[in-house]
Amino acid sequence: MSAVSRVGRRIEQVVARYFDAPLPDGEGLPAYVAPLPDWLEDLGLRLAWPIALVNLVGTLFGFWYYAGQPTDLAPPLLGGQLGAAPLVAYPLVPDSPVATMFIGLSLVAWKLDIDAGPLHALAFFGCIKLGLWTPFVQLVLNGPGGIAAWLYWFLIFSHLAMAVEAFLIHRYAAFSVGSVAVALAWYGFNDVVDYFWPILEGPHHTWLRAEPFLTAGLPDHTVAAHDLAAAWAVVLTLLATFLALATRVEKVKRGAA
């Protein structure tokens, strides 16, 4: 055992004194579907309640962010991208807050022993997709201009943490084909209406600072940044699909699903 693993296991054992509920057994899945060390998986699962709470608070923060960060109750209460979108489009616009809601509720469902296979798959897809899409957009397309430095780096590291969270889910979820199909349908639909066929008024994808606004108040989708954001979103949906189904296959091989 490496020095890092020894330290990590000691930390997990200290946490276990206060969060000592039984954990699902490790399944010995290969690293390409379960890249976290065992001690980190155990630590994350022991801290399921705090992590769920952090994610659900993050959901509220995310909606505040998409609403233009209102700081008073003077009308209009909603600005930003939510203020520019029709009410029916709200589930399609704040992608990251919806993803943190999925993982928060997924952990709660596991802790309460609720059968929620599609929710677990949605959480996995959301954490992989938004956890890796947002840092790419911020670092490669947007850059730090036009946003406070603390918020810029918070967005990057908090979303990377989402990608790490995704690899806790295999310990308690079966990733059935039906559940994966639900998640693929939702995130595939999001890709289509975000970038290729907007079905409601206004842009559905997260506004990109790299896209200049046209005189009509809509972002210019003819710039390369739009195509790169769309391509990365589609790639990540495919990646999440592959990883979820590969996890299912590896579980079946080991009789764990």
Protein backbone atom coordinates (compact mmCIF):
# COMPACT_ATOMS: atom_id res chain seq x y z
CA MET A 1 0.00 0.00 0.00
CA SER A 2 1.36 3.40 -0.98
CA ALA A 3 1.91 6.21 1.51
CA VAL A 4 -1.04 8.13 0.01
CA SER A 5 -3.30 5.11 0.40
CA ARG A 6 -2.21 4.59 3.99
CA VAL A 7 -2.93 8.21 4.88
CA GLY A 8 -6.22 8.10 3.01
CA ARG A 9 -7.32 4.93 4.78
CA ARG A 10 -6.46 6.46 8.16
CA ILE A 11 -8.58 9.51 7.34
CA GLU A 12 -11.44 7.21 6.29
CA GLN A 13 -11.15 5.30 9.55
CA VAL A 14 -11.31 8.51 11.58
CA VAL A 15 -14.43 9.58 9.68
CA ALA A 16 -15.90 6.10 10.26
CA ARG A 17 -16.00 6.81 14.00
CA TYR A 18 -18.69 9.39 13.35
CA PHE A 19 -20.28 8.02 10.16
CA ASP A 20 -20.22 4.29 10.79
CA ALA A 21 -23.21 3.08 8.74
CA PRO A 22 -22.60 -0.07 6.65
CA LEU A 23 -21.15 0.49 3.19
CA PRO A 24 -21.91 -1.46 0.02
CA ASP A 25 -19.18 -3.97 -0.72
CA GLY A 26 -16.43 -3.08 -3.17
CA GLU A 27 -16.78 -5.04 -6.38
CA GLY A 28 -13.23 -4.99 -7.69
CA LEU A 29 -14.24 -3.24 -10.89
CA PRO A 30 -11.44 -2.27 -13.30
CA ALA A 31 -9.97 1.20 -13.03
CA TYR A 32 -11.45 2.44 -16.29
CA VAL A 33 -14.94 2.37 -14.72
CA ALA A 34 -13.92 2.73 -11.05
CA PRO A 35 -10.83 4.99 -11.01
CA LEU A 36 -11.05 6.13 -7.38
CA PRO A 37 -8.97 4.30 -4.76
CA ASP A 38 -10.99 2.14 -2.39
CA TRP A 39 -10.34 4.41 0.60
CA LEU A 40 -11.68 7.44 -1.29
CA GLU A 41 -14.81 5.56 -2.37
CA ASP A 42 -15.39 4.51 1.24
CA LEU A 43 -14.75 8.04 2.50
CA GLY A 44 -17.16 9.55 0.01
CA LEU A 45 -19.88 7.04 0.83
CA ARG A 46 -19.43 7.54 4.58
CA LEU A 47 -19.91 11.27 4.01
CA ALA A 48 -22.99 10.72 1.83
CA TRP A 49 -25.27 12.92 3.94
CA PRO A 50 -22.91 15.94 4.06
CA ILE A 51 -22.07 15.53 0.37
CA ALA A 52 -25.76 15.34 -0.52
CA LEU A 53 -26.40 18.52 1.47
CA VAL A 54 -23.51 20.35 -0.21
CA ASN A 55 -24.84 19.38 -3.62
CA LEU A 56 -28.38 20.48 -2.84
CA VAL A 57 -27.09 23.81 -1.51
CA GLY A 58 -25.06 24.00 -4.72
CA THR A 59 -28.30 23.56 -6.65
CA LEU A 60 -29.75 26.62 -4.93
CA PHE A 61 -26.54 28.57 -5.63
CA GLY A 62 -26.68 27.49 -9.26
CA PHE A 63 -30.23 28.73 -9.72
CA TRP A 64 -29.20 32.00 -8.07
CA TYR A 65 -26.30 32.22 -10.53
CA TYR A 66 -28.52 31.56 -13.55
CA ALA A 67 -31.00 34.14 -12.24
CA GLY A 68 -28.38 36.87 -12.50
CA GLN A 69 -27.39 36.72 -8.80
CA PRO A 70 -30.28 38.88 -7.51
CA THR A 71 -29.40 40.52 -4.20
CA ASP A 72 -32.68 42.26 -3.45
CA LEU A 73 -36.40 41.64 -3.79
CA ALA A 74 -37.06 44.50 -6.15
CA PRO A 75 -38.70 43.42 -9.41
CA PRO A 76 -37.80 41.80 -11.67
CA LEU A 77 -36.77 38.97 -9.33
CA LEU A 78 -35.27 36.94 -12.17
CA GLY A 79 -32.56 38.29 -14.39
CA GLY A 80 -29.71 36.56 -16.19
CA GLN A 81 -30.45 33.58 -18.36
CA LEU A 82 -33.49 32.40 -16.41
CA GLY A 83 -34.98 35.85 -16.74
CA ALA A 84 -34.55 35.64 -20.51
CA ALA A 85 -36.07 32.16 -20.81
CA PRO A 86 -39.74 31.10 -20.71
CA LEU A 87 -40.84 29.25 -17.59
CA VAL A 88 -41.32 25.97 -19.46
CA ALA A 89 -37.65 26.05 -20.52
CA TYR A 90 -36.31 26.25 -16.96
CA PRO A 91 -35.47 22.50 -16.70
CA LEU A 92 -33.35 22.81 -19.86
CA VAL A 93 -31.32 25.89 -18.92
CA PRO A 94 -29.51 25.45 -15.54
CA ASP A 95 -27.74 22.20 -16.42
CA SER A 96 -25.21 22.16 -13.57
CA PRO A 97 -27.74 22.92 -10.81
CA VAL A 98 -29.97 20.13 -12.14
CA ALA A 99 -26.96 17.77 -12.12
CA THR A 100 -26.09 18.61 -8.51
CA MET A 101 -29.75 18.06 -7.63
CA PHE A 102 -29.59 14.61 -9.24
CA ILE A 103 -26.47 13.53 -7.32
CA GLY A 104 -27.76 14.99 -4.06
CA LEU A 105 -31.07 13.15 -4.38
CA SER A 106 -29.28 9.99 -5.56
CA LEU A 107 -27.23 9.86 -2.37
CA VAL A 108 -30.32 10.55 -0.27
CA ALA A 109 -32.22 7.77 -2.04
CA TRP A 110 -29.39 5.32 -1.39
CA LYS A 111 -29.16 6.25 2.28
CA LEU A 112 -32.93 5.82 2.66
CA ASP A 113 -32.86 2.53 0.75
CA ILE A 114 -35.16 3.84 -1.97
CA ASP A 115 -35.09 2.00 -5.30
CA ALA A 116 -34.17 4.83 -7.70
CA GLY A 117 -32.21 3.31 -10.59
CA PRO A 118 -33.03 6.01 -13.18
CA LEU A 119 -32.15 8.75 -10.68
CA HIS A 120 -28.75 7.15 -10.03
CA ALA A 121 -28.08 6.98 -13.78
CA LEU A 122 -29.13 10.61 -14.24
CA ALA A 123 -26.78 11.58 -11.41
CA PHE A 124 -23.90 9.69 -13.02
CA PHE A 125 -24.48 11.27 -16.43
CA GLY A 126 -24.92 14.73 -14.94
CA CYS A 127 -21.75 14.60 -12.87
CA ILE A 128 -19.65 13.29 -15.74
CA LYS A 129 -21.12 15.65 -18.31
CA LEU A 130 -21.28 18.92 -16.39
CA GLY A 131 -18.29 18.09 -14.23
CA LEU A 132 -16.09 17.99 -17.32
CA TRP A 133 -17.96 20.33 -19.69
CA THR A 134 -17.82 23.42 -17.47
CA PRO A 135 -14.05 23.37 -16.76
CA PHE A 136 -13.41 22.94 -20.50
CA VAL A 137 -15.63 25.91 -21.33
CA GLN A 138 -14.15 28.10 -18.60
CA LEU A 139 -10.51 27.26 -19.31
CA VAL A 140 -10.56 26.92 -23.09
CA LEU A 141 -13.43 29.07 -24.35
CA ASN A 142 -14.43 31.71 -21.80
CA GLY A 143 -11.30 32.55 -19.85
CA PRO A 144 -11.44 34.57 -16.61
CA GLY A 145 -12.50 37.87 -18.19
CA GLY A 146 -15.80 39.34 -17.07
CA ILE A 147 -16.16 37.28 -13.88
CA ALA A 148 -14.70 37.57 -10.39
CA ALA A 149 -11.56 35.47 -9.92
CA TRP A 150 -12.98 33.61 -6.92
CA LEU A 151 -16.12 32.65 -8.84
CA TYR A 152 -14.14 31.61 -11.91
CA TRP A 153 -11.97 29.15 -9.98
CA PHE A 154 -14.86 28.04 -7.80
CA LEU A 155 -16.78 27.06 -10.93
CA ILE A 156 -13.83 25.07 -12.24
CA PHE A 157 -12.95 23.15 -9.07
CA SER A 158 -16.51 22.57 -7.88
CA HIS A 159 -17.40 21.04 -11.24
CA LEU A 160 -14.31 18.84 -11.25
CA ALA A 161 -15.47 17.59 -7.82
CA MET A 162 -18.75 16.61 -9.50
CA ALA A 163 -16.83 14.37 -11.90
CA VAL A 164 -15.16 12.68 -8.91
CA GLU A 165 -18.54 12.16 -7.24
CA ALA A 166 -19.80 10.28 -10.28
CA PHE A 167 -17.52 7.36 -9.47
CA LEU A 168 -19.13 6.77 -6.07
CA ILE A 169 -22.44 5.80 -7.64
CA HIS A 170 -21.41 2.39 -8.99
CA ARG A 171 -21.10 1.10 -5.41
CA TYR A 172 -24.86 1.34 -4.83
CA ALA A 173 -26.41 1.51 -8.32
CA ALA A 174 -26.94 -1.33 -10.80
CA PHE A 175 -26.91 0.85 -13.96
CA SER A 176 -29.60 -1.25 -15.60
CA VAL A 177 -30.06 -0.79 -19.34
CA GLY A 178 -33.42 0.87 -18.75
CA SER A 179 -31.96 3.36 -16.26
CA VAL A 180 -29.11 4.22 -18.62
CA ALA A 181 -31.64 4.69 -21.43
CA VAL A 182 -33.52 7.25 -19.32
CA ALA A 183 -30.34 9.21 -18.62
CA LEU A 184 -29.24 9.04 -22.26
CA ALA A 185 -32.66 10.25 -23.42
CA TRP A 186 -32.58 13.23 -21.05
CA TYR A 187 -29.03 14.36 -21.74
CA GLY A 188 -29.25 13.55 -25.45
CA PHE A 189 -32.40 15.67 -25.64
CA ASN A 190 -30.57 18.45 -23.82
CA ASP A 191 -27.75 18.36 -26.38
CA VAL A 192 -30.19 18.60 -29.27
CA VAL A 193 -32.20 21.53 -27.94
CA ASP A 194 -29.17 23.31 -26.49
CA TYR A 195 -27.12 23.46 -29.65
CA PHE A 196 -28.91 22.15 -32.74
CA TRP A 197 -32.67 22.62 -32.57
CA PRO A 198 -33.91 25.11 -29.97
CA ILE A 199 -37.59 24.36 -29.46
CA LEU A 200 -38.41 27.24 -27.14
CA GLU A 201 -37.68 30.93 -27.17
CA GLY A 202 -34.15 31.91 -26.19
CA PRO A 203 -30.90 29.91 -25.88
CA HIS A 204 -31.12 26.79 -23.74
CA HIS A 205 -27.40 26.15 -23.26
CA THR A 206 -25.37 28.03 -20.69
CA TRP A 207 -24.45 31.44 -22.01
CA LEU A 208 -20.85 31.46 -23.20
CA ARG A 209 -18.86 34.61 -22.59
CA ALA A 210 -16.96 33.69 -25.75
CA GLU A 211 -20.16 34.20 -27.77
CA PRO A 212 -20.86 37.89 -28.51
CA PHE A 213 -24.48 38.98 -28.29
CA LEU A 214 -26.34 40.04 -31.40
CA THR A 215 -28.54 43.11 -31.59
CA ALA A 216 -31.60 40.89 -31.02
CA GLY A 217 -30.23 39.99 -27.59
CA LEU A 218 -29.31 36.43 -28.55
CA PRO A 219 -25.77 34.99 -28.55
CA ASP A 220 -23.99 34.61 -31.88
CA HIS A 221 -23.95 30.88 -32.61
CA THR A 222 -21.83 31.26 -35.72
CA VAL A 223 -18.59 31.58 -33.72
CA ALA A 224 -16.27 28.62 -33.20
CA ALA A 225 -16.87 28.66 -29.42
CA HIS A 226 -20.45 27.48 -29.94
CA ASP A 227 -19.35 24.54 -32.08
CA LEU A 228 -16.62 23.54 -29.62
CA ALA A 229 -19.01 23.68 -26.66
CA ALA A 230 -21.56 21.62 -28.60
CA ALA A 231 -18.99 19.05 -29.69
CA TRP A 232 -17.65 18.59 -26.15
CA ALA A 233 -21.19 18.23 -24.79
CA VAL A 234 -21.96 15.45 -27.28
CA VAL A 235 -18.64 13.71 -26.61
CA LEU A 236 -19.35 13.72 -22.87
CA THR A 237 -22.84 12.30 -23.36
CA LEU A 238 -21.27 9.47 -25.36
CA LEU A 239 -18.57 9.00 -22.71
CA ALA A 240 -21.12 8.81 -19.90
CA THR A 241 -23.16 6.28 -21.88
CA PHE A 242 -20.10 4.11 -22.50
CA LEU A 243 -18.95 4.24 -18.87
CA ALA A 244 -22.42 3.48 -17.49
CA LEU A 245 -22.95 0.49 -19.79
CA ALA A 246 -19.37 -0.73 -19.27
CA THR A 247 -19.96 -0.56 -15.51
CA ARG A 248 -23.08 -2.64 -15.99
CA VAL A 249 -21.15 -5.23 -18.00
CA GLU A 250 -18.38 -5.44 -15.39
CA LYS A 251 -20.95 -5.82 -12.62
CA VAL A 252 -22.71 -8.63 -14.47
CA LYS A 253 -19.39 -10.42 -15.00
CA ARG A 254 -18.84 -10.39 -11.25
CA GLY A 255 -22.42 -11.27 -10.35
CA ALA A 256 -22.85 -7.91 -8.68
CA ALA A 257 -25.87 -6.69 -10.69
